[in-house]
Amino acid sequence: MIRLLLADDQTLVRAGFRSILDGEDGIEVVGEAADGAEAVRLAAQLRPEVVLMDIRMPVLDGLAATRQIVAACAARVIILTTFDLDEYVYGALRAGASGFLVKDTEPAELIHGVRVVARGDALIAPSITRRLIAEFSARATHPDPGPRLSVLTTREREVLALVAAGLSNDEIAARLVLSPATAKTHVSRIMTKTQVRDRAQLVILAYESGLTVPGWLTRSGP
């Protein structure tokens, strides 16, 4: 059972999400928060697996609340944005968010998103991904591999680059001619060695360390 906490300052929005999610098999809405401070308190009290977090809330905004929740417990946070180019998306991912959904997402996509994040995968829509990569590139002008990458084997670096490219474990397995179980093991070991909590944070690591470079930055000529 996926224990879910809803955090949004609009009562009708919370009610809408609850009506969609609470009746789904394997998902239970265990609480609702009307501001970021309440979200932090309820996350510590109720120990949800997933928090659906509006990024703009009173008392404590979603960015600060996400940072505190991720630091204090094992919950994974999905950020709710009003539109896919939300200016706070990059900061939220750096704060520890596991994914993003726009508020007008279809019910099936919302349900799928909760399940994806609950199992530890990143939830980043293609419309958001390009902006994030541009932000990574702008903020990591002089990338530093650092000690976290130095502990990885050559194969693990290959796997990390493919994770950053958005490939699933099955797709990584096919690309590298591995079994899906072996690909999954590689990803788990990379997370352990680099001390990150999920695939979203692996994407950050790959770009900010310079292991992965956006394709349009490597092209030459007109």
Foldseek 3Di string as FASTA:
>chain_A
DFEEEEEALDPVLVVVLCVLFCPDPPYHDPYYHNFLVVVLVVCVVVVGQEYEAEQQGPPDGRLVSLLSSVVPHNHAYEYEAQDLVPVCVLSSLVSGHQEYDYSPDDSVVVNVVSVCVSVFEHYYDPSNLVVNLVVLCVVQVPAALPPLNVVDDPVLLVLLQVLLVVDDLPRSCVVVVHDSVVSVVSVVVSCVSNVHRGSSVSNSSCSRNVSDHDPVVPDDDD
